[in-house]
Amino acid sequence: MDSLDTVIHQPARLQIMAALSQLKATEKVDFAFLKKSLGLTDGNLGAHLATLEEKGYIALDKAFVARHPKTFVSATAPGRRAFASHVAALQAIIERPA
């Protein structure tokens, strides 16, 4: 049985990884979209993204769009694998006989 990932298990990080894992491997979303979609503050989202980036689960790309700085977020291959493993562990818990 897969084990729960303590980094992903935190609710906000679980939501972030779920959102990013739905994207194609080459797709990314911008910080503002993710913040609005998940209902997080700038500081809260930034802290969770830093934790996920430190673990290697996400990549942050900074760019200028129309002379405004933007941060884009995507799930890495290891992040996608870790999320899939975490979901499998949750599923095994749910399906475990009482």
PDB file of N, CA and C in Angstrom:
ATOM      1  N   MET A   1       0.847  -1.181   0.000  1.00  0.00           N
ATOM      2  CA  MET A   1       0.000   0.000   0.000  1.00  0.00           C
ATOM      3  C   MET A   1       0.890   1.242   0.000  1.00  0.00           C
ATOM      4  N   ASP A   2       0.493   2.226  -0.804  1.00  0.00           N
ATOM      5  CA  ASP A   2       1.188   3.502  -0.816  1.00  0.00           C
ATOM      6  C   ASP A   2       0.951   4.200   0.521  1.00  0.00           C
ATOM      7  N   SER A   3       1.894   5.050   0.910  1.00  0.00           N
ATOM      8  CA  SER A   3       1.719   5.777   2.160  1.00  0.00           C
ATOM      9  C   SER A   3       1.360   7.230   1.868  1.00  0.00           C
ATOM     10  N   LEU A   4       0.725   7.850   2.841  1.00  0.00           N
ATOM     11  CA  LEU A   4       0.344   9.241   2.695  1.00  0.00           C
ATOM     12  C   LEU A   4       1.593  10.116   2.673  1.00  0.00           C
ATOM     13  N   ASP A   5       1.575  11.136   1.843  1.00  0.00           N
ATOM     14  CA  ASP A   5       2.678  12.085   1.730  1.00  0.00           C
ATOM     15  C   ASP A   5       2.365  13.265   2.640  1.00  0.00           C
ATOM     16  N   THR A   6       3.163  13.460   3.675  1.00  0.00           N
ATOM     17  CA  THR A   6       2.870  14.501   4.659  1.00  0.00           C
ATOM     18  C   THR A   6       2.947  15.908   4.069  1.00  0.00           C
ATOM     19  N   VAL A   7       3.717  16.098   3.006  1.00  0.00           N
ATOM     20  CA  VAL A   7       3.778  17.410   2.359  1.00  0.00           C
ATOM     21  C   VAL A   7       2.480  17.677   1.611  1.00  0.00           C
ATOM     22  N   ILE A   8       2.007  16.716   0.859  1.00  0.00           N
ATOM     23  CA  ILE A   8       0.783  16.890   0.067  1.00  0.00           C
ATOM     24  C   ILE A   8      -0.461  16.823   0.942  1.00  0.00           C
ATOM     25  N   HIS A   9      -0.402  16.110   2.040  1.00  0.00           N
ATOM     26  CA  HIS A   9      -1.593  15.854   2.848  1.00  0.00           C
ATOM     27  C   HIS A   9      -2.228  17.116   3.427  1.00  0.00           C
ATOM     28  N   GLN A  10      -1.461  18.178   3.643  1.00  0.00           N
ATOM     29  CA  GLN A  10      -2.014  19.426   4.159  1.00  0.00           C
ATOM     30  C   GLN A  10      -3.089  19.900   3.179  1.00  0.00           C
ATOM     31  N   PRO A  11      -4.301  20.294   3.653  1.00  0.00           N
ATOM     32  CA  PRO A  11      -5.424  20.584   2.758  1.00  0.00           C
ATOM     33  C   PRO A  11      -5.156  21.569   1.623  1.00  0.00           C
ATOM     34  N   ALA A  12      -4.500  22.678   1.887  1.00  0.00           N
ATOM     35  CA  ALA A  12      -4.251  23.648   0.813  1.00  0.00           C
ATOM     36  C   ALA A  12      -3.298  23.068  -0.230  1.00  0.00           C
ATOM     37  N   ARG A  13      -2.260  22.360   0.225  1.00  0.00           N
ATOM     38  CA  ARG A  13      -1.320  21.765  -0.726  1.00  0.00           C
ATOM     39  C   ARG A  13      -1.971  20.634  -1.509  1.00  0.00           C
ATOM     40  N   LEU A  14      -2.872  19.909  -0.886  1.00  0.00           N
ATOM     41  CA  LEU A  14      -3.622  18.871  -1.591  1.00  0.00           C
ATOM     42  C   LEU A  14      -4.459  19.494  -2.704  1.00  0.00           C
ATOM     43  N   GLN A  15      -5.099  20.613  -2.410  1.00  0.00           N
ATOM     44  CA  GLN A  15      -5.895  21.313  -3.425  1.00  0.00           C
ATOM     45  C   GLN A  15      -5.011  21.832  -4.559  1.00  0.00           C
ATOM     46  N   ILE A  16      -3.854  22.375  -4.212  1.00  0.00           N
ATOM     47  CA  ILE A  16      -2.933  22.886  -5.230  1.00  0.00           C
ATOM     48  C   ILE A  16      -2.498  21.747  -6.149  1.00  0.00           C
ATOM     49  N   MET A  17      -2.068  20.633  -5.569  1.00  0.00           N
ATOM     50  CA  MET A  17      -1.607  19.512  -6.382  1.00  0.00           C
ATOM     51  C   MET A  17      -2.737  18.911  -7.210  1.00  0.00           C
ATOM     52  N   ALA A  18      -3.944  18.877  -6.654  1.00  0.00           N
ATOM     53  CA  ALA A  18      -5.091  18.364  -7.413  1.00  0.00           C
ATOM     54  C   ALA A  18      -5.353  19.260  -8.628  1.00  0.00           C
ATOM     55  N   ALA A  19      -5.307  20.557  -8.423  1.00  0.00           N
ATOM     56  CA  ALA A  19      -5.545  21.491  -9.529  1.00  0.00           C
ATOM     57  C   ALA A  19      -4.461  21.367 -10.588  1.00  0.00           C
ATOM     58  N   LEU A  20      -3.209  21.316 -10.171  1.00  0.00           N
ATOM     59  CA  LEU A  20      -2.103  21.248 -11.135  1.00  0.00           C
ATOM     60  C   LEU A  20      -2.030  19.906 -11.833  1.00  0.00           C
ATOM     61  N   SER A  21      -2.412  18.844 -11.157  1.00  0.00           N
ATOM     62  CA  SER A  21      -2.344  17.511 -11.756  1.00  0.00           C
ATOM     63  C   SER A  21      -3.400  17.302 -12.839  1.00  0.00           C
ATOM     64  N   GLN A  22      -4.405  18.152 -12.862  1.00  0.00           N
ATOM     65  CA  GLN A  22      -5.426  18.068 -13.913  1.00  0.00           C
ATOM     66  C   GLN A  22      -4.936  18.666 -15.234  1.00  0.00           C
ATOM     67  N   LEU A  23      -3.868  19.442 -15.172  1.00  0.00           N
ATOM     68  CA  LEU A  23      -3.314  20.063 -16.367  1.00  0.00           C
ATOM     69  C   LEU A  23      -2.464  19.068 -17.134  1.00  0.00           C
ATOM     70  N   LYS A  24      -2.257  19.328 -18.416  1.00  0.00           N
ATOM     71  CA  LYS A  24      -1.311  18.531 -19.192  1.00  0.00           C
ATOM     72  C   LYS A  24       0.092  18.826 -18.663  1.00  0.00           C
ATOM     73  N   ALA A  25       1.005  17.928 -18.914  1.00  0.00           N
ATOM     74  CA  ALA A  25       2.368  18.064 -18.393  1.00  0.00           C
ATOM     75  C   ALA A  25       3.041  19.359 -18.854  1.00  0.00           C
ATOM     76  N   THR A  26       2.648  19.880 -19.996  1.00  0.00           N
ATOM     77  CA  THR A  26       3.270  21.092 -20.527  1.00  0.00           C
ATOM     78  C   THR A  26       2.516  22.370 -20.138  1.00  0.00           C
ATOM     79  N   GLU A  27       1.398  22.237 -19.449  1.00  0.00           N
ATOM     80  CA  GLU A  27       0.595  23.404 -19.098  1.00  0.00           C
ATOM     81  C   GLU A  27       0.975  23.951 -17.727  1.00  0.00           C
ATOM     82  N   LYS A  28       0.700  25.238 -17.548  1.00  0.00           N
ATOM     83  CA  LYS A  28       0.910  25.885 -16.258  1.00  0.00           C
ATOM     84  C   LYS A  28      -0.172  26.941 -16.071  1.00  0.00           C
ATOM     85  N   VAL A  29      -0.373  27.348 -14.824  1.00  0.00           N
ATOM     86  CA  VAL A  29      -1.361  28.383 -14.511  1.00  0.00           C
ATOM     87  C   VAL A  29      -0.652  29.518 -13.798  1.00  0.00           C
ATOM     88  N   ASP A  30      -1.248  30.696 -13.860  1.00  0.00           N
ATOM     89  CA  ASP A  30      -0.595  31.793 -13.160  1.00  0.00           C
ATOM     90  C   ASP A  30      -1.066  31.861 -11.712  1.00  0.00           C
ATOM     91  N   PHE A  31      -0.239  32.486 -10.907  1.00  0.00           N
ATOM     92  CA  PHE A  31      -0.433  32.590  -9.463  1.00  0.00           C
ATOM     93  C   PHE A  31      -1.817  33.155  -9.146  1.00  0.00           C
ATOM     94  N   ALA A  32      -2.210  34.233  -9.848  1.00  0.00           N
ATOM     95  CA  ALA A  32      -3.491  34.894  -9.563  1.00  0.00           C
ATOM     96  C   ALA A  32      -4.669  33.959  -9.813  1.00  0.00           C
ATOM     97  N   PHE A  33      -4.604  33.176 -10.878  1.00  0.00           N
ATOM     98  CA  PHE A  33      -5.679  32.228 -11.180  1.00  0.00           C
ATOM     99  C   PHE A  33      -5.771  31.175 -10.084  1.00  0.00           C
ATOM    100  N   LEU A  34      -4.641  30.649  -9.682  1.00  0.00           N
ATOM    101  CA  LEU A  34      -4.618  29.623  -8.640  1.00  0.00           C
ATOM    102  C   LEU A  34      -5.135  30.194  -7.324  1.00  0.00           C
ATOM    103  N   LYS A  35      -4.709  31.394  -6.987  1.00  0.00           N
ATOM    104  CA  LYS A  35      -5.139  32.051  -5.750  1.00  0.00           C
ATOM    105  C   LYS A  35      -6.658  32.225  -5.730  1.00  0.00           C
ATOM    106  N   LYS A  36      -7.203  32.708  -6.831  1.00  0.00           N
ATOM    107  CA  LYS A  36      -8.657  32.927  -6.908  1.00  0.00           C
ATOM    108  C   LYS A  36      -9.409  31.595  -6.898  1.00  0.00           C
ATOM    109  N   SER A  37      -8.926  30.624  -7.643  1.00  0.00           N
ATOM    110  CA  SER A  37      -9.595  29.322  -7.728  1.00  0.00           C
ATOM    111  C   SER A  37      -9.668  28.615  -6.389  1.00  0.00           C
ATOM    112  N   LEU A  38      -8.615  28.747  -5.586  1.00  0.00           N
ATOM    113  CA  LEU A  38      -8.540  28.030  -4.317  1.00  0.00           C
ATOM    114  C   LEU A  38      -8.965  28.881  -3.125  1.00  0.00           C
ATOM    115  N   GLY A  39      -9.179  30.180  -3.343  1.00  0.00           N
ATOM    116  CA  GLY A  39      -9.617  31.051  -2.266  1.00  0.00           C
ATOM    117  C   GLY A  39      -8.551  31.268  -1.199  1.00  0.00           C
ATOM    118  N   LEU A  40      -7.305  31.346  -1.624  1.00  0.00           N
ATOM    119  CA  LEU A  40      -6.198  31.559  -0.690  1.00  0.00           C
ATOM    120  C   LEU A  40      -5.677  32.988  -0.797  1.00  0.00           C
ATOM    121  N   THR A  41      -5.012  33.455   0.244  1.00  0.00           N
ATOM    122  CA  THR A  41      -4.384  34.766   0.198  1.00  0.00           C
ATOM    123  C   THR A  41      -3.036  34.653  -0.501  1.00  0.00           C
ATOM    124  N   ASP A  42      -2.477  35.793  -0.892  1.00  0.00           N
ATOM    125  CA  ASP A  42      -1.154  35.796  -1.528  1.00  0.00           C
ATOM    126  C   ASP A  42      -0.125  35.098  -0.644  1.00  0.00           C
ATOM    127  N   GLY A  43      -0.077  35.495   0.622  1.00  0.00           N
ATOM    128  CA  GLY A  43       0.913  34.948   1.542  1.00  0.00           C
ATOM    129  C   GLY A  43       0.736  33.468   1.784  1.00  0.00           C
ATOM    130  N   ASN A  44      -0.515  33.045   1.940  1.00  0.00           N
ATOM    131  CA  ASN A  44      -0.796  31.643   2.204  1.00  0.00           C
ATOM    132  C   ASN A  44      -0.416  30.791   1.000  1.00  0.00           C
ATOM    133  N   LEU A  45      -0.846  31.210  -0.184  1.00  0.00           N
ATOM    134  CA  LEU A  45      -0.513  30.456  -1.393  1.00  0.00           C
ATOM    135  C   LEU A  45       0.992  30.444  -1.602  1.00  0.00           C
ATOM    136  N   GLY A  46       1.633  31.592  -1.424  1.00  0.00           N
ATOM    137  CA  GLY A  46       3.080  31.669  -1.611  1.00  0.00           C
ATOM    138  C   GLY A  46       3.832  30.718  -0.698  1.00  0.00           C
ATOM    139  N   ALA A  47       3.417  30.638   0.554  1.00  0.00           N
ATOM    140  CA  ALA A  47       4.074  29.739   1.507  1.00  0.00           C
ATOM    141  C   ALA A  47       3.901  28.282   1.106  1.00  0.00           C
ATOM    142  N   HIS A  48       2.706  27.912   0.689  1.00  0.00           N
ATOM    143  CA  HIS A  48       2.461  26.521   0.278  1.00  0.00           C
ATOM    144  C   HIS A  48       3.212  26.185  -1.003  1.00  0.00           C
ATOM    145  N   LEU A  49       3.270  27.135  -1.930  1.00  0.00           N
ATOM    146  CA  LEU A  49       4.019  26.897  -3.167  1.00  0.00           C
ATOM    147  C   LEU A  49       5.504  26.727  -2.869  1.00  0.00           C
ATOM    148  N   ALA A  50       6.020  27.506  -1.930  1.00  0.00           N
ATOM    149  CA  ALA A  50       7.428  27.382  -1.560  1.00  0.00           C
ATOM    150  C   ALA A  50       7.724  25.987  -1.008  1.00  0.00           C
ATOM    151  N   THR A  51       6.829  25.473  -0.184  1.00  0.00           N
ATOM    152  CA  THR A  51       7.003  24.129   0.381  1.00  0.00           C
ATOM    153  C   THR A  51       6.992  23.076  -0.718  1.00  0.00           C
ATOM    154  N   LEU A  52       6.046  23.196  -1.641  1.00  0.00           N
ATOM    155  CA  LEU A  52       5.950  22.232  -2.739  1.00  0.00           C
ATOM    156  C   LEU A  52       7.143  22.339  -3.688  1.00  0.00           C
ATOM    157  N   GLU A  53       7.612  23.563  -3.924  1.00  0.00           N
ATOM    158  CA  GLU A  53       8.773  23.753  -4.796  1.00  0.00           C
ATOM    159  C   GLU A  53      10.032  23.177  -4.147  1.00  0.00           C
ATOM    160  N   GLU A  54      10.184  23.401  -2.857  1.00  0.00           N
ATOM    161  CA  GLU A  54      11.345  22.872  -2.130  1.00  0.00           C
ATOM    162  C   GLU A  54      11.405  21.346  -2.217  1.00  0.00           C
ATOM    163  N   LYS A  55      10.259  20.715  -2.203  1.00  0.00           N
ATOM    164  CA  LYS A  55      10.171  19.253  -2.294  1.00  0.00           C
ATOM    165  C   LYS A  55      10.358  18.763  -3.741  1.00  0.00           C
ATOM    166  N   GLY A  56      10.272  19.689  -4.715  1.00  0.00           N
ATOM    167  CA  GLY A  56      10.419  19.323  -6.125  1.00  0.00           C
ATOM    168  C   GLY A  56       9.128  18.913  -6.789  1.00  0.00           C
ATOM    169  N   TYR A  57       8.003  19.186  -6.141  1.00  0.00           N
ATOM    170  CA  TYR A  57       6.702  18.778  -6.675  1.00  0.00           C
ATOM    171  C   TYR A  57       6.133  19.761  -7.682  1.00  0.00           C
ATOM    172  N   ILE A  58       6.565  21.010  -7.620  1.00  0.00           N
ATOM    173  CA  ILE A  58       6.091  22.016  -8.572  1.00  0.00           C
ATOM    174  C   ILE A  58       7.274  22.809  -9.106  1.00  0.00           C
ATOM    175  N   ALA A  59       7.030  23.499 -10.211  1.00  0.00           N
ATOM    176  CA  ALA A  59       8.007  24.429 -10.771  1.00  0.00           C
ATOM    177  C   ALA A  59       7.357  25.795 -10.840  1.00  0.00           C
ATOM    178  N   LEU A  60       8.121  26.815 -10.485  1.00  0.00           N
ATOM    179  CA  LEU A  60       7.656  28.191 -10.585  1.00  0.00           C
ATOM    180  C   LEU A  60       8.455  28.871 -11.679  1.00  0.00           C
ATOM    181  N   ASP A  61       7.753  29.516 -12.603  1.00  0.00           N
ATOM    182  CA  ASP A  61       8.390  30.258 -13.689  1.00  0.00           C
ATOM    183  C   ASP A  61       7.943  31.704 -13.580  1.00  0.00           C
ATOM    184  N   LYS A  62       8.908  32.605 -13.512  1.00  0.00           N
ATOM    185  CA  LYS A  62       8.588  34.024 -13.420  1.00  0.00           C
ATOM    186  C   LYS A  62       8.864  34.668 -14.768  1.00  0.00           C
ATOM    187  N   ALA A  63       7.922  35.509 -15.197  1.00  0.00           N
ATOM    188  CA  ALA A  63       8.046  36.172 -16.494  1.00  0.00           C
ATOM    189  C   ALA A  63       7.358  37.536 -16.428  1.00  0.00           C
ATOM    190  N   PHE A  64       7.611  38.332 -17.436  1.00  0.00           N
ATOM    191  CA  PHE A  64       6.910  39.601 -17.562  1.00  0.00           C
ATOM    192  C   PHE A  64       5.909  39.468 -18.692  1.00  0.00           C
ATOM    193  N   VAL A  65       4.670  39.827 -18.411  1.00  0.00           N
ATOM    194  CA  VAL A  65       3.610  39.819 -19.407  1.00  0.00           C
ATOM    195  C   VAL A  65       3.071  41.241 -19.465  1.00  0.00           C
ATOM    196  N   ALA A  66       3.183  41.874 -20.632  1.00  0.00           N
ATOM    197  CA  ALA A  66       2.776  43.274 -20.804  1.00  0.00           C
ATOM    198  C   ALA A  66       3.422  44.153 -19.719  1.00  0.00           C
ATOM    199  N   ARG A  67       4.707  43.924 -19.487  1.00  0.00           N
ATOM    200  CA  ARG A  67       5.517  44.669 -18.522  1.00  0.00           C
ATOM    201  C   ARG A  67       5.101  44.492 -17.067  1.00  0.00           C
ATOM    202  N   HIS A  68       4.326  43.452 -16.782  1.00  0.00           N
ATOM    203  CA  HIS A  68       3.920  43.141 -15.411  1.00  0.00           C
ATOM    204  C   HIS A  68       4.497  41.774 -15.035  1.00  0.00           C
ATOM    205  N   PRO A  69       5.069  41.675 -13.836  1.00  0.00           N
ATOM    206  CA  PRO A  69       5.613  40.379 -13.429  1.00  0.00           C
ATOM    207  C   PRO A  69       4.501  39.365 -13.172  1.00  0.00           C
ATOM    208  N   LYS A  70       4.708  38.160 -13.647  1.00  0.00           N
ATOM    209  CA  LYS A  70       3.742  37.067 -13.428  1.00  0.00           C
ATOM    210  C   LYS A  70       4.517  35.837 -12.996  1.00  0.00           C
ATOM    211  N   THR A  71       3.886  35.071 -12.116  1.00  0.00           N
ATOM    212  CA  THR A  71       4.450  33.794 -11.695  1.00  0.00           C
ATOM    213  C   THR A  71       3.541  32.691 -12.204  1.00  0.00           C
ATOM    214  N   PHE A  72       4.126  31.745 -12.908  1.00  0.00           N
ATOM    215  CA  PHE A  72       3.389  30.605 -13.433  1.00  0.00           C
ATOM    216  C   PHE A  72       3.781  29.359 -12.654  1.00  0.00           C
ATOM    217  N   VAL A  73       2.806  28.479 -12.440  1.00  0.00           N
ATOM    218  CA  VAL A  73       3.006  27.291 -11.605  1.00  0.00           C
ATOM    219  C   VAL A  73       2.641  26.047 -12.403  1.00  0.00           C
ATOM    220  N   SER A  74       3.464  25.015 -12.302  1.00  0.00           N
ATOM    221  CA  SER A  74       3.157  23.737 -12.947  1.00  0.00           C
ATOM    222  C   SER A  74       3.613  22.603 -12.038  1.00  0.00           C
ATOM    223  N   ALA A  75       2.996  21.451 -12.214  1.00  0.00           N
ATOM    224  CA  ALA A  75       3.390  20.248 -11.473  1.00  0.00           C
ATOM    225  C   ALA A  75       4.557  19.590 -12.207  1.00  0.00           C
ATOM    226  N   THR A  76       5.541  19.135 -11.477  1.00  0.00           N
ATOM    227  CA  THR A  76       6.661  18.405 -12.068  1.00  0.00           C
ATOM    228  C   THR A  76       6.292  16.926 -12.174  1.00  0.00           C
ATOM    229  N   ALA A  77       7.090  16.182 -12.917  1.00  0.00           N
ATOM    230  CA  ALA A  77       6.851  14.729 -13.022  1.00  0.00           C
ATOM    231  C   ALA A  77       6.915  14.059 -11.643  1.00  0.00           C
ATOM    232  N   PRO A  78       7.922  14.382 -10.814  1.00  0.00           N
ATOM    233  CA  PRO A  78       7.917  13.784  -9.464  1.00  0.00           C
ATOM    234  C   PRO A  78       6.694  14.212  -8.643  1.00  0.00           C
ATOM    235  N   GLY A  79       6.251  15.438  -8.833  1.00  0.00           N
ATOM    236  CA  GLY A  79       5.066  15.920  -8.125  1.00  0.00           C
ATOM    237  C   GLY A  79       3.812  15.174  -8.553  1.00  0.00           C
ATOM    238  N   ARG A  80       3.706  14.916  -9.835  1.00  0.00           N
ATOM    239  CA  ARG A  80       2.550  14.163 -10.339  1.00  0.00           C
ATOM    240  C   ARG A  80       2.555  12.732  -9.793  1.00  0.00           C
ATOM    241  N   ARG A  81       3.742  12.130  -9.746  1.00  0.00           N
ATOM    242  CA  ARG A  81       3.840  10.770  -9.198  1.00  0.00           C
ATOM    243  C   ARG A  81       3.494  10.758  -7.707  1.00  0.00           C
ATOM    244  N   ALA A  82       3.998  11.737  -6.976  1.00  0.00           N
ATOM    245  CA  ALA A  82       3.724  11.810  -5.536  1.00  0.00           C
ATOM    246  C   ALA A  82       2.237  12.030  -5.287  1.00  0.00           C
ATOM    247  N   PHE A  83       1.610  12.870  -6.097  1.00  0.00           N
ATOM    248  CA  PHE A  83       0.175  13.113  -5.934  1.00  0.00           C
ATOM    249  C   PHE A  83      -0.612  11.844  -6.232  1.00  0.00           C
ATOM    250  N   ALA A  84      -0.273  11.152  -7.310  1.00  0.00           N
ATOM    251  CA  ALA A  84      -0.970   9.908  -7.666  1.00  0.00           C
ATOM    252  C   ALA A  84      -0.811   8.866  -6.555  1.00  0.00           C
ATOM    253  N   SER A  85       0.379   8.781  -5.985  1.00  0.00           N
ATOM    254  CA  SER A  85       0.623   7.846  -4.885  1.00  0.00           C
ATOM    255  C   SER A  85      -0.191   8.226  -3.649  1.00  0.00           C
ATOM    256  N   HIS A  86      -0.266   9.513  -3.372  1.00  0.00           N
ATOM    257  CA  HIS A  86      -1.038   9.994  -2.221  1.00  0.00           C
ATOM    258  C   HIS A  86      -2.524   9.670  -2.412  1.00  0.00           C
ATOM    259  N   VAL A  87      -3.033   9.912  -3.610  1.00  0.00           N
ATOM    260  CA  VAL A  87      -4.441   9.611  -3.907  1.00  0.00           C
ATOM    261  C   VAL A  87      -4.695   8.109  -3.775  1.00  0.00           C
ATOM    262  N   ALA A  88      -3.758   7.291  -4.239  1.00  0.00           N
ATOM    263  CA  ALA A  88      -3.906   5.835  -4.110  1.00  0.00           C
ATOM    264  C   ALA A  88      -3.951   5.427  -2.639  1.00  0.00           C
ATOM    265  N   ALA A  89      -3.129   6.057  -1.808  1.00  0.00           N
ATOM    266  CA  ALA A  89      -3.134   5.753  -0.372  1.00  0.00           C
ATOM    267  C   ALA A  89      -4.462   6.150   0.259  1.00  0.00           C
ATOM    268  N   LEU A  90      -4.984   7.314  -0.137  1.00  0.00           N
ATOM    269  CA  LEU A  90      -6.298   7.741   0.378  1.00  0.00           C
ATOM    270  C   LEU A  90      -7.384   6.760  -0.068  1.00  0.00           C
ATOM    271  N   GLN A  91      -7.312   6.350  -1.329  1.00  0.00           N
ATOM    272  CA  GLN A  91      -8.304   5.411  -1.859  1.00  0.00           C
ATOM    273  C   GLN A  91      -8.245   4.092  -1.099  1.00  0.00           C
ATOM    274  N   ALA A  92      -7.063   3.629  -0.779  1.00  0.00           N
ATOM    275  CA  ALA A  92      -6.914   2.369  -0.029  1.00  0.00           C
ATOM    276  C   ALA A  92      -7.522   2.499   1.371  1.00  0.00           C
ATOM    277  N   ILE A  93      -7.381   3.650   1.978  1.00  0.00           N
ATOM    278  CA  ILE A  93      -7.991   3.879   3.291  1.00  0.00           C
ATOM    279  C   ILE A  93      -9.500   3.845   3.188  1.00  0.00           C
ATOM    280  N   ILE A  94     -10.013   4.500   2.154  1.00  0.00           N
ATOM    281  CA  ILE A  94     -11.477   4.565   1.954  1.00  0.00           C
ATOM    282  C   ILE A  94     -12.042   3.178   1.698  1.00  0.00           C
ATOM    283  N   GLU A  95     -11.338   2.369   0.942  1.00  0.00           N
ATOM    284  CA  GLU A  95     -11.835   1.061   0.546  1.00  0.00           C
ATOM    285  C   GLU A  95     -11.534  -0.036   1.559  1.00  0.00           C
ATOM    286  N   ARG A  96     -10.780   0.287   2.588  1.00  0.00           N
ATOM    287  CA  ARG A  96     -10.433  -0.708   3.599  1.00  0.00           C
ATOM    288  C   ARG A  96     -11.700  -1.179   4.309  1.00  0.00           C
ATOM    289  N   PRO A  97     -11.844  -2.502   4.462  1.00  0.00           N
ATOM    290  CA  PRO A  97     -13.031  -3.009   5.177  1.00  0.00           C
ATOM    291  C   PRO A  97     -13.057  -2.532   6.629  1.00  0.00           C
ATOM    292  N   ALA A  98     -14.232  -2.289   7.107  1.00  0.00           N
ATOM    293  CA  ALA A  98     -14.386  -1.806   8.492  1.00  0.00           C
ATOM    294  C   ALA A  98     -14.141  -2.885   9.497  1.00  0.00           C
TER     295      ALA A  98
END
